[in-house]
Amino acid sequence: MRAHEEKTAQQKARLENDIQDLSYFMHTDSYAALPAVDQGLLMVQIRAMYAHSRALGKRSSRGFGF
């Protein structure tokens, strides 16, 4: 794997870990206790993270990194 492809794969792995962490948080009482506006902003954030992860995956499958 070329250096730029490895960098993209590492970025995707870190992002997927962050998605998992946020997803777990969103199933806690702490999340439920947040004001609705903050819950909504976290929903926007996790959707953007999923979109970013999909884009990185597509780039990786095409052999294109940074």
PDB file of N, CA and C in Angstrom:
ATOM      1  N   MET A   1       0.855  -1.176   0.000  1.00  0.00           N
ATOM      2  CA  MET A   1       0.000   0.000   0.000  1.00  0.00           C
ATOM      3  C   MET A   1       0.902   1.242   0.000  1.00  0.00           C
ATOM      4  N   ARG A   2       0.585   2.182  -0.853  1.00  0.00           N
ATOM      5  CA  ARG A   2       1.357   3.414  -0.928  1.00  0.00           C
ATOM      6  C   ARG A   2       1.071   4.295   0.287  1.00  0.00           C
ATOM      7  N   ALA A   3       1.975   5.214   0.565  1.00  0.00           N
ATOM      8  CA  ALA A   3       1.884   6.054   1.771  1.00  0.00           C
ATOM      9  C   ALA A   3       0.565   6.829   1.831  1.00  0.00           C
ATOM     10  N   HIS A   4       0.147   7.403   0.718  1.00  0.00           N
ATOM     11  CA  HIS A   4      -1.090   8.184   0.736  1.00  0.00           C
ATOM     12  C   HIS A   4      -2.315   7.291   0.932  1.00  0.00           C
ATOM     13  N   GLU A   5      -2.250   6.062   0.435  1.00  0.00           N
ATOM     14  CA  GLU A   5      -3.361   5.124   0.647  1.00  0.00           C
ATOM     15  C   GLU A   5      -3.415   4.690   2.112  1.00  0.00           C
ATOM     16  N   GLU A   6      -2.247   4.488   2.697  1.00  0.00           N
ATOM     17  CA  GLU A   6      -2.176   4.121   4.109  1.00  0.00           C
ATOM     18  C   GLU A   6      -2.720   5.253   4.985  1.00  0.00           C
ATOM     19  N   LYS A   7      -2.386   6.479   4.638  1.00  0.00           N
ATOM     20  CA  LYS A   7      -2.866   7.633   5.397  1.00  0.00           C
ATOM     21  C   LYS A   7      -4.394   7.721   5.333  1.00  0.00           C
ATOM     22  N   THR A   8      -4.964   7.477   4.162  1.00  0.00           N
ATOM     23  CA  THR A   8      -6.420   7.486   4.007  1.00  0.00           C
ATOM     24  C   THR A   8      -7.054   6.370   4.825  1.00  0.00           C
ATOM     25  N   ALA A   9      -6.459   5.183   4.803  1.00  0.00           N
ATOM     26  CA  ALA A   9      -6.982   4.052   5.576  1.00  0.00           C
ATOM     27  C   ALA A   9      -6.925   4.344   7.074  1.00  0.00           C
ATOM     28  N   GLN A  10      -5.837   4.961   7.526  1.00  0.00           N
ATOM     29  CA  GLN A  10      -5.715   5.312   8.943  1.00  0.00           C
ATOM     30  C   GLN A  10      -6.747   6.358   9.346  1.00  0.00           C
ATOM     31  N   GLN A  11      -6.957   7.338   8.475  1.00  0.00           N
ATOM     32  CA  GLN A  11      -7.945   8.373   8.758  1.00  0.00           C
ATOM     33  C   GLN A  11      -9.336   7.758   8.865  1.00  0.00           C
ATOM     34  N   LYS A  12      -9.656   6.844   7.959  1.00  0.00           N
ATOM     35  CA  LYS A  12     -10.963   6.188   7.978  1.00  0.00           C
ATOM     36  C   LYS A  12     -11.129   5.369   9.257  1.00  0.00           C
ATOM     37  N   ALA A  13     -10.087   4.669   9.671  1.00  0.00           N
ATOM     38  CA  ALA A  13     -10.155   3.868  10.896  1.00  0.00           C
ATOM     39  C   ALA A  13     -10.383   4.756  12.119  1.00  0.00           C
ATOM     40  N   ARG A  14      -9.670   5.890  12.198  1.00  0.00           N
ATOM     41  CA  ARG A  14      -9.871   6.816  13.331  1.00  0.00           C
ATOM     42  C   ARG A  14     -11.293   7.370  13.319  1.00  0.00           C
ATOM     43  N   LEU A  15     -11.769   7.722  12.136  1.00  0.00           N
ATOM     44  CA  LEU A  15     -13.106   8.273  12.007  1.00  0.00           C
ATOM     45  C   LEU A  15     -14.160   7.247  12.420  1.00  0.00           C
ATOM     46  N   GLU A  16     -13.992   6.002  11.996  1.00  0.00           N
ATOM     47  CA  GLU A  16     -14.946   4.956  12.375  1.00  0.00           C
ATOM     48  C   GLU A  16     -14.949   4.728  13.882  1.00  0.00           C
ATOM     49  N   ASN A  17     -13.780   4.847  14.514  1.00  0.00           N
ATOM     50  CA  ASN A  17     -13.714   4.740  15.967  1.00  0.00           C
ATOM     51  C   ASN A  17     -14.478   5.891  16.624  1.00  0.00           C
ATOM     52  N   ASP A  18     -14.309   7.100  16.095  1.00  0.00           N
ATOM     53  CA  ASP A  18     -15.031   8.262  16.623  1.00  0.00           C
ATOM     54  C   ASP A  18     -16.537   8.103  16.437  1.00  0.00           C
ATOM     55  N   ILE A  19     -16.944   7.560  15.293  1.00  0.00           N
ATOM     56  CA  ILE A  19     -18.368   7.316  15.040  1.00  0.00           C
ATOM     57  C   ILE A  19     -18.916   6.337  16.063  1.00  0.00           C
ATOM     58  N   GLN A  20     -18.167   5.272  16.315  1.00  0.00           N
ATOM     59  CA  GLN A  20     -18.610   4.277  17.288  1.00  0.00           C
ATOM     60  C   GLN A  20     -18.732   4.893  18.679  1.00  0.00           C
ATOM     61  N   ASP A  21     -17.752   5.695  19.079  1.00  0.00           N
ATOM     62  CA  ASP A  21     -17.794   6.340  20.389  1.00  0.00           C
ATOM     63  C   ASP A  21     -19.005   7.263  20.511  1.00  0.00           C
ATOM     64  N   LEU A  22     -19.237   8.060  19.480  1.00  0.00           N
ATOM     65  CA  LEU A  22     -20.377   8.976  19.521  1.00  0.00           C
ATOM     66  C   LEU A  22     -21.689   8.208  19.519  1.00  0.00           C
ATOM     67  N   SER A  23     -21.760   7.166  18.734  1.00  0.00           N
ATOM     68  CA  SER A  23     -22.971   6.350  18.692  1.00  0.00           C
ATOM     69  C   SER A  23     -23.289   5.761  20.064  1.00  0.00           C
ATOM     70  N   TYR A  24     -22.272   5.239  20.737  1.00  0.00           N
ATOM     71  CA  TYR A  24     -22.482   4.716  22.096  1.00  0.00           C
ATOM     72  C   TYR A  24     -22.999   5.816  23.021  1.00  0.00           C
ATOM     73  N   PHE A  25     -22.367   6.988  22.944  1.00  0.00           N
ATOM     74  CA  PHE A  25     -22.790   8.106  23.788  1.00  0.00           C
ATOM     75  C   PHE A  25     -24.251   8.464  23.547  1.00  0.00           C
ATOM     76  N   MET A  26     -24.664   8.388  22.286  1.00  0.00           N
ATOM     77  CA  MET A  26     -26.032   8.789  21.935  1.00  0.00           C
ATOM     78  C   MET A  26     -27.077   7.803  22.462  1.00  0.00           C
ATOM     79  N   HIS A  27     -26.634   6.718  23.067  1.00  0.00           N
ATOM     80  CA  HIS A  27     -27.547   5.758  23.678  1.00  0.00           C
ATOM     81  C   HIS A  27     -27.444   5.770  25.202  1.00  0.00           C
ATOM     82  N   THR A  28     -26.942   6.874  25.745  1.00  0.00           N
ATOM     83  CA  THR A  28     -26.785   6.977  27.192  1.00  0.00           C
ATOM     84  C   THR A  28     -27.785   7.958  27.785  1.00  0.00           C
ATOM     85  N   ASP A  29     -27.907   7.895  29.093  1.00  0.00           N
ATOM     86  CA  ASP A  29     -28.756   8.856  29.806  1.00  0.00           C
ATOM     87  C   ASP A  29     -28.179  10.270  29.708  1.00  0.00           C
ATOM     88  N   SER A  30     -26.864  10.378  29.617  1.00  0.00           N
ATOM     89  CA  SER A  30     -26.233  11.699  29.488  1.00  0.00           C
ATOM     90  C   SER A  30     -26.675  12.393  28.201  1.00  0.00           C
ATOM     91  N   TYR A  31     -26.744  11.615  27.127  1.00  0.00           N
ATOM     92  CA  TYR A  31     -27.231  12.182  25.857  1.00  0.00           C
ATOM     93  C   TYR A  31     -28.691  12.569  25.989  1.00  0.00           C
ATOM     94  N   ALA A  32     -29.491  11.697  26.578  1.00  0.00           N
ATOM     95  CA  ALA A  32     -30.920  11.958  26.730  1.00  0.00           C
ATOM     96  C   ALA A  32     -31.174  13.205  27.563  1.00  0.00           C
ATOM     97  N   ALA A  33     -30.244  13.529  28.459  1.00  0.00           N
ATOM     98  CA  ALA A  33     -30.414  14.693  29.332  1.00  0.00           C
ATOM     99  C   ALA A  33     -30.011  16.007  28.654  1.00  0.00           C
ATOM    100  N   LEU A  34     -29.388  15.917  27.502  1.00  0.00           N
ATOM    101  CA  LEU A  34     -28.984  17.136  26.797  1.00  0.00           C
ATOM    102  C   LEU A  34     -30.205  17.872  26.258  1.00  0.00           C
ATOM    103  N   PRO A  35     -30.093  19.196  26.136  1.00  0.00           N
ATOM    104  CA  PRO A  35     -31.172  19.948  25.478  1.00  0.00           C
ATOM    105  C   PRO A  35     -31.355  19.441  24.036  1.00  0.00           C
ATOM    106  N   ALA A  36     -32.563  19.554  23.544  1.00  0.00           N
ATOM    107  CA  ALA A  36     -32.899  19.060  22.209  1.00  0.00           C
ATOM    108  C   ALA A  36     -31.991  19.654  21.137  1.00  0.00           C
ATOM    109  N   VAL A  37     -31.625  20.914  21.270  1.00  0.00           N
ATOM    110  CA  VAL A  37     -30.771  21.534  20.254  1.00  0.00           C
ATOM    111  C   VAL A  37     -29.407  20.852  20.213  1.00  0.00           C
ATOM    112  N   ASP A  38     -28.868  20.488  21.356  1.00  0.00           N
ATOM    113  CA  ASP A  38     -27.574  19.800  21.377  1.00  0.00           C
ATOM    114  C   ASP A  38     -27.685  18.379  20.837  1.00  0.00           C
ATOM    115  N   GLN A  39     -28.773  17.703  21.144  1.00  0.00           N
ATOM    116  CA  GLN A  39     -29.002  16.379  20.571  1.00  0.00           C
ATOM    117  C   GLN A  39     -29.067  16.475  19.048  1.00  0.00           C
ATOM    118  N   GLY A  40     -29.752  17.476  18.564  1.00  0.00           N
ATOM    119  CA  GLY A  40     -29.869  17.673  17.118  1.00  0.00           C
ATOM    120  C   GLY A  40     -28.528  17.952  16.466  1.00  0.00           C
ATOM    121  N   LEU A  41     -27.708  18.762  17.125  1.00  0.00           N
ATOM    122  CA  LEU A  41     -26.386  19.058  16.578  1.00  0.00           C
ATOM    123  C   LEU A  41     -25.510  17.808  16.536  1.00  0.00           C
ATOM    124  N   LEU A  42     -25.630  16.947  17.533  1.00  0.00           N
ATOM    125  CA  LEU A  42     -24.874  15.695  17.513  1.00  0.00           C
ATOM    126  C   LEU A  42     -25.374  14.773  16.397  1.00  0.00           C
ATOM    127  N   MET A  43     -26.665  14.812  16.120  1.00  0.00           N
ATOM    128  CA  MET A  43     -27.201  14.028  14.999  1.00  0.00           C
ATOM    129  C   MET A  43     -26.619  14.538  13.680  1.00  0.00           C
ATOM    130  N   VAL A  44     -26.556  15.841  13.514  1.00  0.00           N
ATOM    131  CA  VAL A  44     -25.955  16.423  12.315  1.00  0.00           C
ATOM    132  C   VAL A  44     -24.492  15.991  12.215  1.00  0.00           C
ATOM    133  N   GLN A  45     -23.787  16.040  13.348  1.00  0.00           N
ATOM    134  CA  GLN A  45     -22.375  15.679  13.363  1.00  0.00           C
ATOM    135  C   GLN A  45     -22.163  14.223  12.957  1.00  0.00           C
ATOM    136  N   ILE A  46     -22.947  13.306  13.518  1.00  0.00           N
ATOM    137  CA  ILE A  46     -22.717  11.891  13.208  1.00  0.00           C
ATOM    138  C   ILE A  46     -23.080  11.574  11.759  1.00  0.00           C
ATOM    139  N   ARG A  47     -24.084  12.253  11.213  1.00  0.00           N
ATOM    140  CA  ARG A  47     -24.411  12.049   9.798  1.00  0.00           C
ATOM    141  C   ARG A  47     -23.255  12.510   8.914  1.00  0.00           C
ATOM    142  N   ALA A  48     -22.660  13.644   9.272  1.00  0.00           N
ATOM    143  CA  ALA A  48     -21.520  14.154   8.508  1.00  0.00           C
ATOM    144  C   ALA A  48     -20.331  13.203   8.622  1.00  0.00           C
ATOM    145  N   MET A  49     -20.138  12.639   9.790  1.00  0.00           N
ATOM    146  CA  MET A  49     -19.042  11.683   9.989  1.00  0.00           C
ATOM    147  C   MET A  49     -19.263  10.437   9.135  1.00  0.00           C
ATOM    148  N   TYR A  50     -20.511   9.945   9.070  1.00  0.00           N
ATOM    149  CA  TYR A  50     -20.815   8.788   8.216  1.00  0.00           C
ATOM    150  C   TYR A  50     -20.540   9.120   6.745  1.00  0.00           C
ATOM    151  N   ALA A  51     -20.947  10.319   6.308  1.00  0.00           N
ATOM    152  CA  ALA A  51     -20.720  10.719   4.914  1.00  0.00           C
ATOM    153  C   ALA A  51     -19.220  10.799   4.627  1.00  0.00           C
ATOM    154  N   HIS A  52     -18.472  11.343   5.547  1.00  0.00           N
ATOM    155  CA  HIS A  52     -17.017  11.449   5.388  1.00  0.00           C
ATOM    156  C   HIS A  52     -16.399  10.053   5.304  1.00  0.00           C
ATOM    157  N   SER A  53     -16.842   9.146   6.155  1.00  0.00           N
ATOM    158  CA  SER A  53     -16.332   7.772   6.143  1.00  0.00           C
ATOM    159  C   SER A  53     -16.625   7.083   4.811  1.00  0.00           C
ATOM    160  N   ARG A  54     -17.845   7.275   4.297  1.00  0.00           N
ATOM    161  CA  ARG A  54     -18.191   6.679   3.003  1.00  0.00           C
ATOM    162  C   ARG A  54     -17.296   7.232   1.896  1.00  0.00           C
ATOM    163  N   ALA A  55     -17.046   8.546   1.922  1.00  0.00           N
ATOM    164  CA  ALA A  55     -16.189   9.162   0.905  1.00  0.00           C
ATOM    165  C   ALA A  55     -14.772   8.607   0.982  1.00  0.00           C
ATOM    166  N   LEU A  56     -14.248   8.452   2.186  1.00  0.00           N
ATOM    167  CA  LEU A  56     -12.907   7.879   2.333  1.00  0.00           C
ATOM    168  C   LEU A  56     -12.877   6.441   1.826  1.00  0.00           C
ATOM    169  N   GLY A  57     -13.918   5.691   2.105  1.00  0.00           N
ATOM    170  CA  GLY A  57     -13.996   4.314   1.615  1.00  0.00           C
ATOM    171  C   GLY A  57     -14.020   4.239   0.110  1.00  0.00           C
ATOM    172  N   LYS A  58     -14.771   5.119  -0.512  1.00  0.00           N
ATOM    173  CA  LYS A  58     -14.828   5.148  -1.974  1.00  0.00           C
ATOM    174  C   LYS A  58     -13.484   5.528  -2.562  1.00  0.00           C
ATOM    175  N   ARG A  59     -12.815   6.517  -1.946  1.00  0.00           N
ATOM    176  CA  ARG A  59     -11.497   6.905  -2.419  1.00  0.00           C
ATOM    177  C   ARG A  59     -10.517   5.750  -2.286  1.00  0.00           C
ATOM    178  N   SER A  60     -10.574   5.037  -1.165  1.00  0.00           N
ATOM    179  CA  SER A  60      -9.680   3.900  -0.960  1.00  0.00           C
ATOM    180  C   SER A  60      -9.915   2.821  -1.989  1.00  0.00           C
ATOM    181  N   SER A  61     -11.182   2.543  -2.275  1.00  0.00           N
ATOM    182  CA  SER A  61     -11.494   1.485  -3.242  1.00  0.00           C
ATOM    183  C   SER A  61     -11.025   1.846  -4.654  1.00  0.00           C
ATOM    184  N   ARG A  62     -10.876   3.134  -4.908  1.00  0.00           N
ATOM    185  CA  ARG A  62     -10.389   3.592  -6.206  1.00  0.00           C
ATOM    186  C   ARG A  62      -8.866   3.741  -6.216  1.00  0.00           C
ATOM    187  N   GLY A  63      -8.224   3.464  -5.059  1.00  0.00           N
ATOM    188  CA  GLY A  63      -6.774   3.596  -4.980  1.00  0.00           C
ATOM    189  C   GLY A  63      -6.291   5.013  -4.905  1.00  0.00           C
ATOM    190  N   PHE A  64      -7.155   5.903  -4.437  1.00  0.00           N
ATOM    191  CA  PHE A  64      -6.810   7.314  -4.369  1.00  0.00           C
ATOM    192  C   PHE A  64      -6.801   7.743  -2.914  1.00  0.00           C
ATOM    193  N   GLY A  65      -5.674   8.249  -2.462  1.00  0.00           N
ATOM    194  CA  GLY A  65      -5.562   8.781  -1.107  1.00  0.00           C
ATOM    195  C   GLY A  65      -5.464  10.285  -1.168  1.00  0.00           C
ATOM    196  N   PHE A  66      -4.552  10.824  -0.433  1.00  0.00           N
ATOM    197  CA  PHE A  66      -4.354  12.286  -0.408  1.00  0.00           C
ATOM    198  C   PHE A  66      -3.596  12.749  -1.620  1.00  0.00           C
TER     199      PHE A  66
END
